[in-house]
Amino acid sequence: AALKDRRVVVSTVLPRFSIDYTLSVVLTDLNGNVKEGESYEQVMKLTDYFEENGTFHEDWFMDDVDHVISIIGSKVKAQ
């Protein structure tokens, strides 16, 4: 019920030639308004998800994405 009448807005930023990947998760009401504490942004280093041989580990990456989602979820439950 905490997410009823809300929207989840996910945005990402990966500048060209950068290893910094920014993931933002924001909860808005149906009018697009954001309440204090209902947004979270995390900068992740892409090099953390690759092995020396170039293998990308999607599971490592998704673990961090899930962590960001759980943070915003726990903020909503606390309200």
N, C-alpha and C. Protein backbone atom coordinates (compact mmCIF):
# COMPACT_ATOMS: atom_id res chain seq x y z
N ALA A 1 0.82 -1.20 0.00
CA ALA A 1 0.00 0.00 0.00
C ALA A 1 0.86 1.26 0.00
N ALA A 2 2.13 1.14 0.38
CA ALA A 2 3.00 2.32 0.45
C ALA A 2 3.28 2.92 -0.93
N LEU A 3 3.18 2.11 -1.97
CA LEU A 3 3.48 2.61 -3.31
C LEU A 3 2.21 2.91 -4.12
N LYS A 4 1.06 2.81 -3.48
CA LYS A 4 -0.18 3.11 -4.18
C LYS A 4 -0.19 4.58 -4.58
N ASP A 5 -0.62 4.86 -5.77
CA ASP A 5 -0.68 6.23 -6.30
C ASP A 5 0.69 6.89 -6.42
N ARG A 6 1.72 6.10 -6.68
CA ARG A 6 3.06 6.65 -6.87
C ARG A 6 3.66 6.09 -8.14
N ARG A 7 4.67 6.78 -8.63
CA ARG A 7 5.43 6.33 -9.78
C ARG A 7 6.90 6.20 -9.38
N VAL A 8 7.56 5.26 -9.98
CA VAL A 8 8.99 5.08 -9.76
C VAL A 8 9.70 5.58 -11.01
N VAL A 9 10.60 6.55 -10.82
CA VAL A 9 11.36 7.11 -11.92
C VAL A 9 12.81 6.68 -11.76
N VAL A 10 13.32 5.98 -12.74
CA VAL A 10 14.70 5.50 -12.71
C VAL A 10 15.46 6.22 -13.81
N SER A 11 16.59 6.79 -13.46
CA SER A 11 17.42 7.43 -14.48
C SER A 11 18.87 7.02 -14.27
N THR A 12 19.61 7.03 -15.36
CA THR A 12 21.02 6.66 -15.31
C THR A 12 21.83 7.68 -16.10
N VAL A 13 23.07 7.81 -15.69
CA VAL A 13 24.00 8.69 -16.40
C VAL A 13 25.33 7.95 -16.53
N LEU A 14 25.83 7.89 -17.74
CA LEU A 14 27.15 7.32 -18.00
C LEU A 14 27.84 8.22 -19.01
N PRO A 15 28.61 9.19 -18.50
CA PRO A 15 29.31 10.09 -19.42
C PRO A 15 30.30 9.32 -20.30
N ARG A 16 30.50 9.83 -21.49
CA ARG A 16 31.44 9.21 -22.43
C ARG A 16 32.84 9.15 -21.81
N PHE A 17 33.49 8.02 -21.95
CA PHE A 17 34.86 7.78 -21.47
C PHE A 17 34.95 7.81 -19.95
N SER A 18 33.86 7.61 -19.25
CA SER A 18 33.87 7.63 -17.78
C SER A 18 33.62 6.23 -17.25
N ILE A 19 34.16 5.95 -16.07
CA ILE A 19 33.86 4.68 -15.40
C ILE A 19 32.77 4.88 -14.35
N ASP A 20 32.34 6.13 -14.15
CA ASP A 20 31.31 6.43 -13.16
C ASP A 20 29.92 6.31 -13.77
N TYR A 21 29.14 5.40 -13.22
CA TYR A 21 27.76 5.15 -13.65
C TYR A 21 26.85 5.61 -12.52
N THR A 22 25.98 6.57 -12.79
CA THR A 22 25.10 7.09 -11.76
C THR A 22 23.69 6.53 -11.96
N LEU A 23 23.17 5.96 -10.89
CA LEU A 23 21.82 5.40 -10.88
C LEU A 23 20.99 6.21 -9.91
N SER A 24 19.86 6.73 -10.38
CA SER A 24 18.95 7.50 -9.53
C SER A 24 17.59 6.84 -9.53
N VAL A 25 17.00 6.72 -8.34
CA VAL A 25 15.66 6.20 -8.19
C VAL A 25 14.86 7.23 -7.40
N VAL A 26 13.73 7.64 -7.97
CA VAL A 26 12.90 8.67 -7.34
C VAL A 26 11.45 8.18 -7.34
N LEU A 27 10.78 8.37 -6.19
CA LEU A 27 9.35 8.10 -6.12
C LEU A 27 8.61 9.42 -6.24
N THR A 28 7.60 9.47 -7.09
CA THR A 28 6.80 10.68 -7.23
C THR A 28 5.33 10.33 -7.01
N ASP A 29 4.55 11.36 -6.71
CA ASP A 29 3.11 11.14 -6.72
C ASP A 29 2.65 11.20 -8.17
N LEU A 30 1.37 11.07 -8.39
CA LEU A 30 0.88 11.03 -9.77
C LEU A 30 1.05 12.36 -10.50
N ASN A 31 1.30 13.44 -9.75
CA ASN A 31 1.53 14.75 -10.36
C ASN A 31 3.01 15.03 -10.61
N GLY A 32 3.89 14.09 -10.24
CA GLY A 32 5.31 14.26 -10.46
C GLY A 32 6.05 14.92 -9.31
N ASN A 33 5.36 15.14 -8.18
CA ASN A 33 6.00 15.75 -7.01
C ASN A 33 6.79 14.73 -6.22
N VAL A 34 7.93 15.13 -5.72
CA VAL A 34 8.80 14.26 -4.93
C VAL A 34 8.81 14.73 -3.49
N LYS A 35 8.53 13.80 -2.57
CA LYS A 35 8.59 14.12 -1.15
C LYS A 35 10.03 13.97 -0.67
N GLU A 36 10.38 14.70 0.36
CA GLU A 36 11.73 14.61 0.92
C GLU A 36 12.01 13.17 1.36
N GLY A 37 13.18 12.70 1.04
CA GLY A 37 13.58 11.35 1.43
C GLY A 37 13.13 10.26 0.49
N GLU A 38 12.46 10.61 -0.60
CA GLU A 38 11.96 9.59 -1.52
C GLU A 38 12.75 9.58 -2.82
N SER A 39 14.03 9.89 -2.70
CA SER A 39 14.92 9.77 -3.85
C SER A 39 16.27 9.29 -3.35
N TYR A 40 16.98 8.62 -4.22
CA TYR A 40 18.29 8.11 -3.86
C TYR A 40 19.14 8.03 -5.12
N GLU A 41 20.40 8.39 -4.97
CA GLU A 41 21.33 8.37 -6.10
C GLU A 41 22.61 7.70 -5.65
N GLN A 42 23.14 6.85 -6.48
CA GLN A 42 24.40 6.17 -6.17
C GLN A 42 25.29 6.18 -7.40
N VAL A 43 26.56 6.50 -7.19
CA VAL A 43 27.55 6.44 -8.26
C VAL A 43 28.31 5.12 -8.10
N MET A 44 28.33 4.36 -9.18
CA MET A 44 29.00 3.08 -9.16
C MET A 44 30.16 3.10 -10.16
N LYS A 45 31.23 2.45 -9.83
CA LYS A 45 32.38 2.33 -10.72
C LYS A 45 32.22 1.10 -11.59
N LEU A 46 32.17 1.31 -12.90
CA LEU A 46 31.97 0.18 -13.81
C LEU A 46 33.08 -0.85 -13.70
N THR A 47 34.26 -0.43 -13.33
CA THR A 47 35.38 -1.37 -13.22
C THR A 47 35.14 -2.42 -12.13
N ASP A 48 34.20 -2.16 -11.21
CA ASP A 48 33.88 -3.13 -10.16
C ASP A 48 33.15 -4.35 -10.69
N TYR A 49 32.65 -4.28 -11.92
CA TYR A 49 31.81 -5.34 -12.47
C TYR A 49 32.49 -6.14 -13.58
N PHE A 50 33.75 -5.86 -13.84
CA PHE A 50 34.49 -6.55 -14.88
C PHE A 50 35.71 -7.26 -14.29
N GLU A 51 35.99 -8.44 -14.81
CA GLU A 51 37.22 -9.15 -14.47
C GLU A 51 38.34 -8.63 -15.38
N GLU A 52 39.55 -9.01 -15.05
CA GLU A 52 40.72 -8.58 -15.84
C GLU A 52 40.62 -9.00 -17.30
N ASN A 53 39.96 -10.15 -17.55
CA ASN A 53 39.84 -10.64 -18.93
C ASN A 53 38.68 -9.99 -19.70
N GLY A 54 37.97 -9.04 -19.06
CA GLY A 54 36.89 -8.32 -19.73
C GLY A 54 35.50 -8.90 -19.51
N THR A 55 35.40 -9.94 -18.72
CA THR A 55 34.10 -10.55 -18.45
C THR A 55 33.26 -9.64 -17.56
N PHE A 56 32.06 -9.30 -18.04
CA PHE A 56 31.13 -8.48 -17.27
C PHE A 56 30.29 -9.38 -16.39
N HIS A 57 30.17 -9.03 -15.12
CA HIS A 57 29.38 -9.81 -14.17
C HIS A 57 28.08 -9.08 -13.87
N GLU A 58 27.06 -9.43 -14.64
CA GLU A 58 25.77 -8.79 -14.48
C GLU A 58 25.20 -9.01 -13.08
N ASP A 59 25.46 -10.17 -12.49
CA ASP A 59 24.93 -10.45 -11.16
C ASP A 59 25.52 -9.50 -10.12
N TRP A 60 26.79 -9.16 -10.22
CA TRP A 60 27.39 -8.19 -9.29
C TRP A 60 26.73 -6.82 -9.46
N PHE A 61 26.54 -6.44 -10.71
CA PHE A 61 25.91 -5.16 -11.02
C PHE A 61 24.47 -5.13 -10.49
N MET A 62 23.72 -6.19 -10.75
CA MET A 62 22.32 -6.23 -10.31
C MET A 62 22.20 -6.25 -8.80
N ASP A 63 23.18 -6.84 -8.11
CA ASP A 63 23.18 -6.79 -6.65
C ASP A 63 23.21 -5.33 -6.17
N ASP A 64 24.02 -4.51 -6.80
CA ASP A 64 24.10 -3.10 -6.41
C ASP A 64 22.84 -2.34 -6.81
N VAL A 65 22.26 -2.66 -7.96
CA VAL A 65 21.00 -2.03 -8.37
C VAL A 65 19.89 -2.41 -7.38
N ASP A 66 19.83 -3.68 -7.01
CA ASP A 66 18.83 -4.12 -6.02
C ASP A 66 19.02 -3.41 -4.69
N HIS A 67 20.26 -3.16 -4.32
CA HIS A 67 20.55 -2.44 -3.07
C HIS A 67 19.98 -1.03 -3.11
N VAL A 68 20.16 -0.33 -4.22
CA VAL A 68 19.60 1.02 -4.38
C VAL A 68 18.08 0.98 -4.27
N ILE A 69 17.46 0.02 -4.91
CA ILE A 69 16.00 -0.12 -4.85
C ILE A 69 15.54 -0.40 -3.43
N SER A 70 16.25 -1.24 -2.71
CA SER A 70 15.86 -1.56 -1.33
C SER A 70 16.01 -0.35 -0.42
N ILE A 71 16.99 0.51 -0.68
CA ILE A 71 17.16 1.72 0.13
C ILE A 71 15.94 2.62 -0.02
N ILE A 72 15.52 2.87 -1.24
CA ILE A 72 14.35 3.73 -1.45
C ILE A 72 13.11 3.08 -0.88
N GLY A 73 13.01 1.76 -1.00
CA GLY A 73 11.87 1.04 -0.43
C GLY A 73 11.81 1.15 1.08
N SER A 74 12.96 1.04 1.73
CA SER A 74 12.97 1.14 3.20
C SER A 74 12.68 2.56 3.66
N LYS A 75 13.05 3.56 2.86
CA LYS A 75 12.72 4.95 3.21
C LYS A 75 11.21 5.16 3.18
N VAL A 76 10.54 4.57 2.20
CA VAL A 76 9.09 4.71 2.09
C VAL A 76 8.39 3.98 3.23
N LYS A 77 8.84 2.79 3.56
CA LYS A 77 8.22 2.03 4.65
C LYS A 77 8.38 2.74 5.98
N ALA A 78 9.48 3.47 6.15
CA ALA A 78 9.74 4.16 7.41
C ALA A 78 8.83 5.37 7.61
N GLN A 79 8.21 5.83 6.55
CA GLN A 79 7.36 7.04 6.66
C GLN A 79 5.97 6.69 7.13
